Amino acid sequence: MTDRRVGVPASPGVAVGPAHLVERRPLAVSCRPLAAGDAAVEAEVERLRGAVARGREQIERARDRVRGGGHPAELARMMEAHLQLLEDDALERAAERTVREERVNAEWAVRRVAESIRAALEASGDEFFRERRGDVLSAAERILRNLVGLQPDPAGDLPPRAVVVAHELSPVDMSHLVHAAVAAVVTETGSRTSHTAILARALGLPAVVGVPDLVGCVAEGTLVAVDGASGEVVVAPPSAEVPLFRERGRRLAELQRALRDEGERPAETRDGRRITLLANIEFPDEVEAALRGGAEGIGLYRTEFLYVGRPRPPSEEEQLRAYEKVVSRMAPRPVSLRTFDLGGDKFVTRPQLAGELNPALGLRALRLGLRERDLFRTQIRAMLRAAAAGDAGVMFPMVCGVGDFRDALEVVAEAREGLRRDGLACPGEVPIGCMIEVPSAVVVADLLARHAAFFSIGTNDLVQYALAIDRANERVAQLYQPFHPAVLRLVRQAVRAGREAGLPVSMCGAMAEDPLAIPLLVGLEIDRISVSPSSVPLAKAVVRSIRFEDVRRLAGEALEAGTAEEVGRLFCDHARRAYPDLVRERLD
């Protein structure tokens, strides 16, 4: 029987193939009291240590297998992050302490510790940390599988041209996909920022994530059709639909080949308005992908990766090396370094529960930096020093108003003075920017423009806070609407404030990656758009297909619309006229 599902579009492409199930559900473990005496405890501790050691060896072998050889750098990098979780003995020590103090088996201790960490990350108001909770659980599952003698990497034997269906996939699982030539990936968990999604895009694999309760409904070998652009998954599609899916896949592959040439061409509308296309990156290795795609700079360099999965924050020198790598490689193109957007105390391997009723509105991002001044100052010192390697600016996330922005500028002044005293060089002028992602910042954007060198509009949080929608909450996710007229009016107000003050204004949220929304942003007179490296060619192609005067008129109509649906129809109709081949899958 045909079963149609819709999940989160994670990586574009269409594929049809037999399902191959990868069992990645958490192992069921039970609590087993240890026998009396110290010998039983010590034996259990040795079992635990052995399982962790084998886990390290397994990940090292997988990492070495995908290093170089033309494989995406993201694979080895993410396996390094997993390896770091096992090399940092915080999880192991906590589990060992549980074994000793509670006199229970190692499996139960590992599960207890992993769940406590998962709960802390889940409670964070920061989407970055919500996604990283999977890293901890994956490391714990590897230890558990080693403890009970199961194969730790169930994705190790994959048939070619199969559609991999799993509850979740670890980076090590994904490494096996490189050699197996599978057709597509579908998982029950994840979002567009999950490891599975990031790696699927890097590998060029169609992928849909966040399809709940799918594994139990698919038999091994059942034909499955996957559309990674729309999020559609069809189990046992009718025979008449199979050639239609394959034709969509062929068209999309042709489009991807055609877009490869767009990266070298400027993003200029048909009537001559120039738009700067920048890239968002999370890791230094992504610079090469940004350059291959034709990015004209880095509009958002997320720095949180330096703080995750470790017992202590990174040193100034460690941060300097990471930032310099990006700034020097992109020179003379501009790079915007965003200070850490972390929530609560979530920058260590064993986070402490913040005890906040609503962490999304709690101690996070710039608020955390201003409270933890030493931590914040260290990062800013590294950023100022890295700016000497090219054209770099610093920007602060979650600015609420002039007061906290001024406070952050004081920390910059302190950092600069400290570098001078220490005899360390940094440029005389480093642009300091303000992220506009809180409604209060929009309201006082004209006042912020007196102190900032540039604005960067982050729509992910701006939409969330403006509409009072938790974008990670499945119950209200459908209400998360970037085309909502209130959001458009906030964007227009921020752009006007920036332009009247002569500031560059960019947008770096997910809205900027939507090919239906790009004309709207151009019409609202945003002149810098920052997207993921893989999205740069498509964004350039969209810009080159439109006329500025047309989309400015449409933006004016959108601002008078009453609902997000009305705005969506307006720009769908425009896309059908101006660039149907670029978004055909969205319009069908």
Protein backbone atom coordinates (compact mmCIF):
# COMPACT_ATOMS: atom_id res chain seq x y z
CA MET A 1 0.00 0.00 0.00
CA THR A 2 1.30 3.45 -0.93
CA ASP A 3 2.30 5.56 2.06
CA ARG A 4 2.94 9.28 1.51
CA ARG A 5 4.89 11.32 4.05
CA VAL A 6 6.30 14.86 4.20
CA GLY A 7 9.41 15.67 6.19
CA VAL A 8 12.00 18.43 6.32
CA PRO A 9 13.73 19.06 2.96
CA ALA A 10 17.42 18.57 3.79
CA SER A 11 19.30 18.15 0.51
CA PRO A 12 17.87 18.71 -2.99
CA GLY A 13 17.51 15.93 -5.51
CA VAL A 14 15.02 13.22 -6.45
CA ALA A 15 15.69 9.49 -6.27
CA VAL A 16 13.81 6.20 -6.42
CA GLY A 17 15.26 3.00 -5.03
CA PRO A 18 14.79 -0.02 -2.76
CA ALA A 19 14.73 0.76 0.96
CA HIS A 20 17.65 -0.34 3.11
CA LEU A 21 16.91 -0.07 6.82
CA VAL A 22 19.67 1.00 9.18
CA GLU A 23 18.73 0.27 12.77
CA ARG A 24 19.91 3.21 14.81
CA ARG A 25 17.34 3.27 17.59
CA PRO A 26 18.75 3.55 21.11
CA LEU A 27 19.59 0.23 22.70
CA ALA A 28 17.33 -0.85 25.53
CA VAL A 29 19.38 -1.16 28.70
CA SER A 30 18.40 -2.20 32.19
CA CYS A 31 19.88 -1.54 35.58
CA ARG A 32 21.82 -4.47 37.02
CA PRO A 33 23.18 -4.17 40.58
CA LEU A 34 26.77 -5.34 40.95
CA ALA A 35 27.83 -8.15 43.22
CA ALA A 36 29.22 -7.27 46.62
CA GLY A 37 32.88 -6.37 46.92
CA ASP A 38 35.31 -4.07 45.13
CA ALA A 39 36.29 -6.67 42.54
CA ALA A 40 32.93 -6.49 40.78
CA VAL A 41 33.10 -2.70 40.62
CA GLU A 42 36.64 -2.67 39.25
CA ALA A 43 35.74 -5.28 36.64
CA GLU A 44 32.81 -3.15 35.51
CA VAL A 45 34.99 -0.04 35.30
CA GLU A 46 37.46 -1.96 33.13
CA ARG A 47 34.60 -3.04 30.84
CA LEU A 48 33.62 0.60 30.49
CA ARG A 49 37.15 1.79 29.77
CA GLY A 50 37.62 -0.94 27.18
CA ALA A 51 34.40 -0.01 25.37
CA VAL A 52 35.42 3.65 25.24
CA ALA A 53 38.90 2.76 23.95
CA ARG A 54 37.41 0.59 21.20
CA GLY A 55 35.08 3.47 20.30
CA ARG A 56 38.05 5.79 19.83
CA GLU A 57 39.79 3.25 17.58
CA GLN A 58 36.66 2.74 15.47
CA ILE A 59 36.16 6.46 14.84
CA GLU A 60 39.85 6.98 14.11
CA ARG A 61 39.75 4.27 11.44
CA ALA A 62 36.61 5.76 9.89
CA ARG A 63 38.11 9.26 9.95
CA ASP A 64 41.33 8.10 8.30
CA ARG A 65 39.29 6.33 5.62
CA VAL A 66 37.65 9.55 4.43
CA ARG A 67 40.53 11.98 4.87
CA GLY A 68 41.53 13.38 1.51
CA GLY A 69 40.74 11.32 -1.55
CA GLY A 70 38.25 13.93 -2.77
CA HIS A 71 35.79 13.23 0.06
CA PRO A 72 33.99 16.21 1.65
CA ALA A 73 36.03 17.73 4.45
CA GLU A 74 32.85 17.90 6.53
CA LEU A 75 32.97 14.12 7.04
CA ALA A 76 36.40 14.00 8.65
CA ARG A 77 35.66 17.17 10.60
CA MET A 78 32.47 15.81 12.14
CA MET A 79 34.16 12.55 13.02
CA GLU A 80 36.86 14.57 14.73
CA ALA A 81 34.12 16.16 16.81
CA HIS A 82 32.79 12.71 17.75
CA LEU A 83 36.29 11.53 18.55
CA GLN A 84 36.76 14.58 20.78
CA LEU A 85 33.73 13.54 22.82
CA LEU A 86 35.39 10.20 23.56
CA GLU A 87 38.89 11.64 24.03
CA ASP A 88 37.55 14.22 26.46
CA ASP A 89 36.96 11.81 29.32
CA ALA A 90 34.11 13.80 30.93
CA LEU A 91 31.46 11.32 29.76
CA GLU A 92 33.64 8.35 30.69
CA ARG A 93 34.51 9.78 34.12
CA ALA A 94 30.87 10.58 34.89
CA ALA A 95 29.81 7.06 33.92
CA GLU A 96 32.65 5.56 35.97
CA ARG A 97 31.62 7.63 38.96
CA THR A 98 28.04 6.36 38.58
CA VAL A 99 29.29 2.75 38.48
CA ARG A 100 31.33 3.24 41.64
CA GLU A 101 28.84 5.29 43.65
CA GLU A 102 25.65 3.46 42.69
CA ARG A 103 27.23 0.03 42.11
CA VAL A 104 25.41 -0.49 38.81
CA ASN A 105 26.41 -1.94 35.45
CA ALA A 106 28.31 0.19 32.92
CA GLU A 107 25.46 0.17 30.37
CA TRP A 108 23.05 1.76 32.84
CA ALA A 109 25.65 4.31 33.92
CA VAL A 110 26.42 5.38 30.34
CA ARG A 111 22.73 5.75 29.52
CA ARG A 112 22.08 7.80 32.69
CA VAL A 113 24.94 10.21 32.00
CA ALA A 114 24.11 10.60 28.30
CA GLU A 115 20.47 11.32 29.07
CA SER A 116 21.40 14.00 31.60
CA ILE A 117 23.57 15.74 29.01
CA ARG A 118 20.88 15.36 26.35
CA ALA A 119 18.30 16.93 28.64
CA ALA A 120 20.55 19.90 29.33
CA LEU A 121 21.16 20.51 25.63
CA GLU A 122 17.48 20.05 24.87
CA ALA A 123 16.61 22.67 27.46
CA SER A 124 18.87 25.20 25.76
CA GLY A 125 17.10 27.93 23.86
CA ASP A 126 19.83 27.69 21.24
CA GLU A 127 19.04 25.63 18.12
CA PHE A 128 22.75 24.91 17.62
CA PHE A 129 22.90 23.01 20.90
CA ARG A 130 19.59 21.28 20.34
CA GLU A 131 21.09 19.76 17.21
CA ARG A 132 24.39 18.86 18.90
CA ARG A 133 22.62 16.70 21.46
CA GLY A 134 22.70 13.96 18.84
CA ASP A 135 26.51 13.93 19.03
CA VAL A 136 26.42 13.00 22.69
CA LEU A 137 23.81 10.29 22.18
CA SER A 138 25.72 8.88 19.22
CA ALA A 139 28.93 8.65 21.26
CA ALA A 140 27.01 6.97 24.09
CA GLU A 141 25.39 4.47 21.71
CA ARG A 142 28.82 3.53 20.36
CA ILE A 143 30.03 2.79 23.89
CA LEU A 144 26.87 0.79 24.63
CA ARG A 145 27.16 -1.29 21.48
CA ASN A 146 30.76 -2.07 22.33
CA LEU A 147 29.72 -3.05 25.86
CA VAL A 148 27.13 -5.56 24.64
CA GLY A 149 29.17 -6.82 21.68
CA LEU A 150 27.04 -5.43 18.82
CA GLN A 151 28.28 -3.98 15.54
CA PRO A 152 28.74 -0.27 16.36
CA ASP A 153 28.25 0.86 12.75
CA PRO A 154 25.10 -0.78 11.34
CA ALA A 155 25.43 1.27 8.13
CA GLY A 156 28.68 -0.50 7.27
CA ASP A 157 27.18 -2.75 4.58
CA LEU A 158 25.05 -0.72 2.17
CA PRO A 159 23.75 -1.93 -1.21
CA PRO A 160 24.25 0.46 -4.15
CA ARG A 161 21.39 2.68 -5.34
CA ALA A 162 19.42 2.03 -2.18
CA VAL A 163 17.39 4.58 -0.25
CA VAL A 164 18.77 4.48 3.29
CA VAL A 165 15.97 4.69 5.85
CA ALA A 166 16.98 5.15 9.50
CA HIS A 167 15.88 6.63 12.79
CA GLU A 168 19.10 8.65 12.72
CA LEU A 169 22.57 8.40 11.20
CA SER A 170 25.89 9.26 12.80
CA PRO A 171 28.76 10.88 10.86
CA VAL A 172 30.48 7.49 10.84
CA ASP A 173 27.34 5.98 9.29
CA MET A 174 27.38 8.74 6.69
CA SER A 175 31.03 7.99 5.86
CA HIS A 176 29.94 4.58 4.55
CA LEU A 177 27.62 6.31 2.07
CA VAL A 178 30.64 7.73 0.25
CA HIS A 179 31.66 4.31 -1.02
CA ALA A 180 28.26 2.65 -1.31
CA ALA A 181 26.79 5.01 -3.96
CA VAL A 182 23.36 5.01 -2.31
CA ALA A 183 20.50 6.89 -3.96
CA ALA A 184 19.09 8.94 -1.06
CA VAL A 185 18.72 9.23 2.71
CA VAL A 186 15.59 9.48 4.86
CA THR A 187 15.66 9.76 8.67
CA GLU A 188 13.03 10.04 11.38
CA THR A 189 14.96 12.73 13.26
CA GLY A 190 16.89 15.85 12.33
CA SER A 191 16.51 19.30 10.80
CA ARG A 192 18.24 21.26 8.04
CA THR A 193 21.12 21.95 10.44
CA SER A 194 21.57 18.37 11.65
CA HIS A 195 24.69 16.40 10.78
CA THR A 196 22.75 14.16 8.39
CA ALA A 197 21.46 17.16 6.44
CA ILE A 198 24.84 18.92 6.31
CA LEU A 199 26.67 15.81 5.15
CA ALA A 200 23.98 14.84 2.62
CA ARG A 201 24.34 18.26 1.00
CA ALA A 202 28.12 17.91 1.01
CA LEU A 203 27.82 14.48 -0.65
CA GLY A 204 25.19 15.65 -3.11
CA LEU A 205 22.67 13.08 -1.85
CA PRO A 206 18.92 13.77 -1.90
CA ALA A 207 17.77 13.72 1.72
CA VAL A 208 14.64 14.23 3.79
CA VAL A 209 14.82 14.30 7.59
CA GLY A 210 12.29 14.57 10.39
CA VAL A 211 9.85 11.94 9.06
CA PRO A 212 8.49 10.44 12.30
CA ASP A 213 7.60 6.76 12.74
CA LEU A 214 8.81 5.77 9.28
CA VAL A 215 11.20 2.89 9.99
CA GLY A 216 8.49 0.58 11.32
CA CYS A 217 6.35 1.17 8.21
CA VAL A 218 8.95 0.27 5.59
CA ALA A 219 10.04 -3.27 4.76
CA GLU A 220 13.54 -3.99 3.50
CA GLY A 221 13.63 -3.71 -0.29
CA THR A 222 10.36 -1.77 -0.64
CA LEU A 223 10.56 0.84 -3.39
CA VAL A 224 10.81 4.38 -1.96
CA ALA A 225 10.70 7.71 -3.82
CA VAL A 226 12.42 10.71 -2.22
CA ASP A 227 12.21 14.39 -3.17
CA GLY A 228 14.81 16.29 -1.17
CA ALA A 229 13.58 19.67 -2.43
CA SER A 230 9.94 19.34 -1.33
CA GLY A 231 10.42 16.90 1.58
CA GLU A 232 8.12 14.32 -0.03
CA VAL A 233 8.69 10.63 0.72
CA VAL A 234 6.51 8.00 -0.96
CA VAL A 235 6.73 4.39 0.18
CA ALA A 236 5.64 1.90 -2.50
CA PRO A 237 4.70 4.57 -5.07
CA PRO A 238 2.18 3.57 -7.76
CA SER A 239 3.95 2.25 -10.85
CA ALA A 240 2.66 5.17 -12.92
CA GLU A 241 4.40 7.67 -10.61
CA VAL A 242 7.85 6.09 -10.69
CA PRO A 243 8.85 7.45 -14.12
CA LEU A 244 7.53 10.88 -13.09
CA PHE A 245 9.83 10.91 -10.05
CA ARG A 246 12.75 9.82 -12.21
CA GLU A 247 12.02 12.58 -14.73
CA ARG A 248 11.96 15.16 -11.91
CA GLY A 249 15.31 13.83 -10.75
CA ARG A 250 16.75 14.14 -14.24
CA ARG A 251 15.52 17.74 -14.59
CA LEU A 252 16.93 18.69 -11.22
CA ALA A 253 20.31 17.14 -12.05
CA GLU A 254 20.41 19.16 -15.27
CA LEU A 255 19.61 22.31 -13.32
CA GLN A 256 22.43 21.62 -10.86
CA ARG A 257 24.88 21.19 -13.73
CA ALA A 258 23.69 24.43 -15.31
CA LEU A 259 24.08 26.30 -12.03
CA ARG A 260 27.76 25.40 -11.72
CA ASP A 261 28.59 28.18 -14.15
CA GLU A 262 26.57 30.77 -12.21
CA GLY A 263 29.13 30.97 -9.41
CA GLU A 264 31.60 32.79 -11.64
CA ARG A 265 29.09 35.39 -12.77
CA PRO A 266 28.10 38.51 -10.80
CA ALA A 267 24.73 38.67 -9.05
CA GLU A 268 23.21 41.53 -11.02
CA THR A 269 19.55 42.03 -11.85
CA ARG A 270 18.47 42.38 -15.47
CA ASP A 271 18.19 46.15 -15.03
CA GLY A 272 21.63 46.52 -13.49
CA ARG A 273 21.25 46.44 -9.70
CA ARG A 274 24.25 44.70 -8.11
CA ILE A 275 23.67 42.32 -5.18
CA THR A 276 26.58 40.93 -3.15
CA LEU A 277 26.25 37.16 -2.55
CA LEU A 278 28.01 35.98 0.60
CA ALA A 279 28.21 32.60 2.35
CA ASN A 280 27.32 31.41 5.86
CA ILE A 281 29.84 28.97 7.32
CA GLU A 282 30.19 27.09 10.58
CA PHE A 283 33.66 25.54 10.15
CA PRO A 284 36.89 26.82 8.55
CA ASP A 285 36.90 23.96 6.02
CA GLU A 286 33.71 25.32 4.45
CA VAL A 287 35.64 28.25 2.97
CA GLU A 288 36.68 26.15 -0.02
CA ALA A 289 33.06 25.25 -0.79
CA ALA A 290 32.11 28.93 -0.50
CA LEU A 291 34.81 29.91 -2.99
CA ARG A 292 33.85 27.13 -5.41
CA GLY A 293 30.25 28.35 -5.31
CA GLY A 294 31.30 31.90 -6.16
CA ALA A 295 30.74 33.56 -2.76
CA GLU A 296 32.01 37.12 -2.62
CA GLY A 297 32.78 36.90 1.09
CA ILE A 298 31.56 35.36 4.34
CA GLY A 299 28.46 37.06 5.66
CA LEU A 300 28.23 34.91 8.78
CA TYR A 301 30.98 32.85 10.39
CA ARG A 302 29.40 30.95 13.28
CA THR A 303 32.03 30.33 15.94
CA GLU A 304 30.12 28.05 18.32
CA PHE A 305 31.89 24.91 17.07
CA LEU A 306 34.98 25.96 19.04
CA TYR A 307 33.05 25.72 22.33
CA VAL A 308 31.22 22.41 21.90
CA GLY A 309 32.23 19.02 23.22
CA ARG A 310 35.13 20.08 25.39
CA PRO A 311 35.85 20.44 29.12
CA ARG A 312 36.99 24.07 28.88
CA PRO A 313 36.60 27.02 26.48
CA PRO A 314 39.14 27.43 23.64
CA SER A 315 42.24 29.53 24.21
CA GLU A 316 42.86 32.82 22.44
CA GLU A 317 45.57 31.22 20.29
CA GLU A 318 43.34 28.32 19.27
CA GLN A 319 40.60 30.74 18.23
CA LEU A 320 43.10 32.94 16.41
CA ARG A 321 44.25 30.00 14.27
CA ALA A 322 40.67 29.15 13.27
CA TYR A 323 39.68 32.74 12.47
CA GLU A 324 42.91 33.52 10.60
CA LYS A 325 42.43 30.46 8.41
CA VAL A 326 39.11 31.84 7.17
CA VAL A 327 40.09 35.51 6.95
CA SER A 328 43.37 34.90 5.12
CA ARG A 329 41.87 32.39 2.68
CA MET A 330 38.99 34.73 1.81
CA ALA A 331 41.17 37.86 1.47
CA PRO A 332 40.56 40.37 0.01
CA ARG A 333 36.90 39.34 0.29
CA PRO A 334 35.14 40.43 3.52
CA VAL A 335 34.44 38.11 6.46
CA SER A 336 31.95 38.79 9.28
CA LEU A 337 32.97 36.99 12.48
CA ARG A 338 30.00 36.51 14.80
CA THR A 339 30.77 36.25 18.49
CA PHE A 340 29.47 33.10 20.15
CA ASP A 341 25.72 32.58 20.12
CA LEU A 342 25.53 30.19 23.06
CA GLY A 343 22.78 29.62 25.59
CA GLY A 344 23.34 29.42 29.33
CA ASP A 345 26.45 27.46 30.35
CA LYS A 346 26.25 25.23 27.28
CA PHE A 347 29.82 25.64 26.04
CA VAL A 348 31.31 22.70 27.92
CA THR A 349 31.01 18.95 27.52
CA ARG A 350 28.99 18.51 30.70
CA PRO A 351 26.56 21.43 30.69
CA GLN A 352 24.74 22.39 33.83
CA LEU A 353 21.00 22.88 33.64
CA ALA A 354 20.37 26.58 33.68
CA GLY A 355 17.10 26.22 35.55
CA GLU A 356 15.38 28.70 33.23
CA LEU A 357 11.69 28.34 32.43
CA ASN A 358 12.27 29.65 28.90
CA PRO A 359 15.93 29.39 27.85
CA ALA A 360 15.21 30.96 24.44
CA LEU A 361 14.50 34.19 26.34
CA GLY A 362 17.20 33.66 28.92
CA LEU A 363 20.95 34.02 29.29
CA ARG A 364 22.28 33.52 25.77
CA ALA A 365 24.34 35.10 22.99
CA LEU A 366 25.43 38.69 23.76
CA ARG A 367 23.82 38.55 27.21
CA LEU A 368 26.05 35.64 28.11
CA GLY A 369 29.10 37.40 26.70
CA LEU A 370 28.47 40.53 28.74
CA ARG A 371 28.05 38.43 31.88
CA GLU A 372 31.11 36.24 31.22
CA ARG A 373 33.41 39.14 30.33
CA ASP A 374 36.68 37.20 30.42
CA LEU A 375 35.36 34.57 28.03
CA PHE A 376 33.94 37.28 25.75
CA ARG A 377 37.08 39.42 25.84
CA THR A 378 39.26 36.46 24.91
CA GLN A 379 37.19 35.79 21.81
CA ILE A 380 37.18 39.43 20.76
CA ARG A 381 40.97 39.65 21.19
CA ALA A 382 41.36 36.66 18.85
CA MET A 383 38.97 38.20 16.32
CA LEU A 384 40.74 41.56 16.34
CA ARG A 385 44.08 39.87 15.81
CA ALA A 386 42.69 37.73 12.99
CA ALA A 387 41.39 40.84 11.23
CA ALA A 388 44.99 41.73 10.39
CA ALA A 389 45.05 38.75 7.98
CA GLY A 390 42.48 40.30 5.62
CA ASP A 391 39.18 42.16 5.59
CA ALA A 392 37.24 41.10 8.69
CA GLY A 393 34.55 42.59 10.85
CA VAL A 394 33.02 41.50 14.15
CA MET A 395 29.28 41.32 14.82
CA PHE A 396 27.25 40.67 17.93
CA PRO A 397 24.19 38.38 18.01
CA MET A 398 20.93 39.05 19.86
CA VAL A 399 21.46 42.78 20.34
CA CYS A 400 18.37 44.17 22.10
CA GLY A 401 19.16 47.86 22.09
CA VAL A 402 21.71 50.64 22.31
CA GLY A 403 22.67 49.84 25.90
CA ASP A 404 23.93 46.30 25.39
CA PHE A 405 25.58 47.26 22.07
CA ARG A 406 27.49 50.05 23.83
CA ASP A 407 28.49 47.62 26.56
CA ALA A 408 29.84 45.24 23.91
CA LEU A 409 31.78 48.09 22.28
CA GLU A 410 33.39 48.77 25.67
CA VAL A 411 34.61 45.15 25.75
CA VAL A 412 36.07 45.66 22.27
CA ALA A 413 37.89 48.77 23.52
CA GLU A 414 39.21 46.84 26.52
CA ALA A 415 40.40 44.02 24.26
CA ARG A 416 42.12 46.44 21.91
CA GLU A 417 43.87 48.19 24.79
CA GLY A 418 44.96 44.84 26.19
CA LEU A 419 46.46 43.84 22.85
CA ARG A 420 48.34 47.14 22.72
CA ARG A 421 49.78 46.57 26.20
CA ASP A 422 50.79 43.04 25.22
CA GLY A 423 52.53 44.26 22.09
CA LEU A 424 50.21 42.31 19.78
CA ALA A 425 49.16 43.80 16.47
CA CYS A 426 45.60 44.36 15.33
CA PRO A 427 44.20 46.67 12.61
CA GLY A 428 43.47 50.27 13.53
CA GLU A 429 39.86 49.99 12.43
CA VAL A 430 37.81 46.79 12.55
CA PRO A 431 34.13 47.22 11.55
CA ILE A 432 31.79 46.28 14.41
CA GLY A 433 28.34 45.22 13.29
CA CYS A 434 24.98 44.58 14.88
CA MET A 435 22.76 41.61 14.20
CA ILE A 436 19.11 42.59 13.90
CA GLU A 437 17.17 39.55 15.11
CA VAL A 438 15.13 40.84 18.06
CA PRO A 439 12.07 43.07 17.47
CA SER A 440 13.34 45.63 19.99
CA ALA A 441 16.49 46.06 17.88
CA VAL A 442 14.34 46.84 14.86
CA VAL A 443 12.38 49.48 16.77
CA VAL A 444 15.59 51.31 17.74
CA ALA A 445 17.53 50.45 14.57
CA ASP A 446 17.96 54.13 13.76
CA LEU A 447 19.66 54.64 17.13
CA LEU A 448 21.82 51.51 16.75
CA ALA A 449 22.92 52.76 13.32
CA ARG A 450 24.73 55.64 15.07
CA HIS A 451 27.10 53.14 16.70
CA ALA A 452 27.33 50.19 14.27
CA ALA A 453 29.38 49.85 11.09
CA PHE A 454 26.90 47.44 9.46
CA PHE A 455 23.66 45.55 10.05
CA SER A 456 23.03 41.86 9.50
CA ILE A 457 19.39 40.75 9.69
CA GLY A 458 18.99 37.27 11.15
CA THR A 459 15.51 36.16 10.16
CA ASN A 460 15.58 32.80 11.96
CA ASP A 461 15.28 34.42 15.37
CA LEU A 462 13.49 37.53 14.15
CA VAL A 463 10.58 35.43 12.85
CA GLN A 464 10.58 33.33 16.01
CA TYR A 465 10.44 36.28 18.38
CA ALA A 466 8.14 38.44 16.27
CA LEU A 467 5.51 35.68 15.92
CA ALA A 468 6.08 34.06 19.35
CA ILE A 469 6.82 30.72 17.63
CA ASP A 470 9.32 28.13 18.83
CA ARG A 471 10.64 26.93 15.47
CA ALA A 472 11.84 23.67 17.04
CA ASN A 473 8.38 22.85 18.41
CA GLU A 474 6.63 20.49 15.99
CA ARG A 475 3.20 21.49 17.33
CA VAL A 476 3.51 25.06 16.09
CA ALA A 477 6.15 24.73 13.37
CA GLN A 478 3.57 25.37 10.64
CA LEU A 479 3.01 28.85 12.14
CA TYR A 480 6.65 29.80 11.56
CA GLN A 481 6.09 32.06 8.53
CA PRO A 482 8.95 34.23 7.14
CA PHE A 483 6.46 35.74 4.66
CA HIS A 484 4.24 37.03 7.48
CA PRO A 485 3.50 40.71 6.80
CA ALA A 486 4.68 41.67 10.30
CA VAL A 487 8.08 40.13 9.56
CA LEU A 488 8.30 41.94 6.22
CA ARG A 489 7.55 45.26 7.89
CA LEU A 490 10.23 44.64 10.51
CA VAL A 491 12.74 43.87 7.77
CA ARG A 492 11.78 47.00 5.85
CA GLN A 493 12.17 49.16 8.96
CA ALA A 494 15.64 47.76 9.70
CA VAL A 495 16.76 48.20 6.09
CA ARG A 496 15.55 51.79 5.99
CA ALA A 497 17.37 52.66 9.22
CA GLY A 498 20.58 51.18 7.90
CA ARG A 499 20.38 52.79 4.49
CA GLU A 500 19.54 56.23 5.91
CA ALA A 501 22.69 55.99 8.02
CA GLY A 502 24.76 54.81 5.05
CA LEU A 503 25.35 51.32 6.50
CA PRO A 504 25.60 48.10 4.50
CA VAL A 505 22.64 45.83 5.32
CA SER A 506 22.78 42.08 4.78
CA MET A 507 20.46 39.17 5.53
CA CYS A 508 21.86 35.83 6.71
CA GLY A 509 18.84 33.83 7.88
CA ALA A 510 17.17 30.86 6.21
CA MET A 511 14.77 33.23 4.44
CA ALA A 512 17.71 34.42 2.32
CA GLU A 513 18.13 30.88 0.93
CA ASP A 514 14.54 30.60 -0.30
CA PRO A 515 14.54 31.19 -4.07
CA LEU A 516 10.97 32.48 -3.80
CA ALA A 517 11.98 35.01 -1.13
CA ILE A 518 15.15 36.36 -2.76
CA PRO A 519 13.24 38.72 -5.11
CA LEU A 520 11.31 40.03 -2.10
CA LEU A 521 14.57 40.79 -0.28
CA VAL A 522 16.01 42.53 -3.33
CA GLY A 523 12.77 44.51 -3.62
CA LEU A 524 13.11 45.57 0.02
CA GLU A 525 16.51 46.99 -1.00
CA ILE A 526 18.73 44.53 0.84
CA ASP A 527 22.00 44.63 -1.07
CA ARG A 528 23.88 41.77 0.60
CA ILE A 529 22.48 38.26 0.86
CA SER A 530 24.31 35.52 2.76
CA VAL A 531 23.42 31.85 2.21
CA SER A 532 24.98 28.42 2.68
CA PRO A 533 27.89 27.74 0.28
CA SER A 534 25.87 25.23 -1.74
CA SER A 535 23.06 27.78 -2.25
CA VAL A 536 25.21 30.58 -3.71
CA PRO A 537 24.90 29.53 -7.39
CA LEU A 538 21.11 29.24 -7.22
CA ALA A 539 20.79 32.58 -5.43
CA LYS A 540 22.92 34.23 -8.10
CA ALA A 541 20.81 32.69 -10.85
CA VAL A 542 17.62 34.01 -9.25
CA VAL A 543 19.05 37.53 -8.94
CA ARG A 544 20.15 37.47 -12.59
CA SER A 545 16.62 36.48 -13.64
CA ILE A 546 14.71 39.41 -12.10
CA ARG A 547 14.31 43.13 -12.61
CA PHE A 548 14.81 45.38 -9.59
CA GLU A 549 11.98 47.71 -10.56
CA ASP A 550 9.58 44.77 -10.83
CA VAL A 551 10.45 43.26 -7.45
CA ARG A 552 10.46 46.65 -5.72
CA ARG A 553 6.87 47.10 -6.86
CA LEU A 554 5.98 43.58 -5.71
CA ALA A 555 7.62 44.20 -2.33
CA GLY A 556 5.37 47.23 -1.93
CA GLU A 557 2.34 45.05 -2.62
CA ALA A 558 3.58 42.43 -0.17
CA LEU A 559 3.83 45.02 2.60
CA GLU A 560 0.12 45.76 2.11
CA ALA A 561 -0.90 42.07 2.12
CA GLY A 562 -2.82 40.68 5.05
CA THR A 563 -1.39 37.15 5.32
CA ALA A 564 1.74 35.12 4.63
CA GLU A 565 -0.26 33.05 2.13
CA GLU A 566 -1.06 36.17 0.09
CA VAL A 567 2.61 37.13 0.00
CA GLY A 568 3.59 33.59 -0.96
CA ARG A 569 1.14 33.55 -3.88
CA LEU A 570 2.45 36.92 -5.06
CA PHE A 571 6.03 35.68 -5.32
CA CYS A 572 5.09 32.22 -6.63
CA ASP A 573 3.33 33.95 -9.52
CA HIS A 574 6.40 36.12 -10.07
CA ALA A 575 8.68 33.07 -10.09
CA ARG A 576 6.48 31.39 -12.72
CA ARG A 577 6.97 34.39 -14.96
CA ALA A 578 10.61 35.24 -14.27
CA TYR A 579 12.51 32.01 -13.50
CA PRO A 580 10.25 28.92 -13.61
CA ASP A 581 13.10 26.52 -14.45
CA LEU A 582 14.94 27.41 -11.23
CA VAL A 583 12.03 26.60 -8.92
CA ARG A 584 9.92 24.19 -10.93
CA GLU A 585 9.84 21.64 -8.11
CA ARG A 586 8.50 24.30 -5.71
CA LEU A 587 5.80 25.37 -8.16
CA ASP A 588 4.53 21.96 -9.32
